[in-house]
Amino acid sequence: MTDKRKGLAVLRIALGAGFLFAGLEKFLDLTGKPFSAAGFMKGATGGTLPGSDPKVIVNPTHDFWVSLAANPQAVEVINFLVVFGEIAIGVALVLGLFSRFAGVMGAVMMGLFYIANWSFATGPFNQQFMYGIVSLYLAYAAAGEVWGLDGWIEKLPAVRRAPALRYVLG
């Protein structure tokens, strides 16, 4: 195994651990207050631009997020999706199981967070952007084939007969 492949595995496991911790922190209530996305959707989706007044709303999607926050049923679904998504993506990446799918879903989640946050006061390359790009790279590079279960699963006869599974494994 080349050093580059080892680095890819370490990157996959580290990003997975980050997702997993974020989800478990919410699920296990490690902050001391129950998780709810409503506060973020109401108060942190106004957006920022370089030199803009922090009180001015610059995010064109702000009203959408605020309307979701006002709907208790939607907040319940969003809370579940955020926590479940972070835990599932984290576990999948740490284990190297369905890594392509997990990488794409991680990028989708980070893309939604990026749009909701719309924070460009310090430039467009924030935490959500970087996590999303790394997630996409892990999906592209088939990171689960190195120190992951995907490498083992791909050798199974049933998987070899179903090449479409390569779209989620790897």
Foldseek 3Di string as FASTA:
>chain_A
DDPVLVVLLVLLLVLLVVLQVVLCCQVVVVVVDHDWCLCCLQPQQQADAAPDDPVHRDQPCSVVSNVLSVDVVSRVVVNCCSNVLSNVLSVCSNQQHLLLQSLQSLLVVLVVVLSRNNYQNVHSCDPSNVSNVSSNVSNVVQSSCRNHCLVVVCPDPVNVVVVVSNNRHD
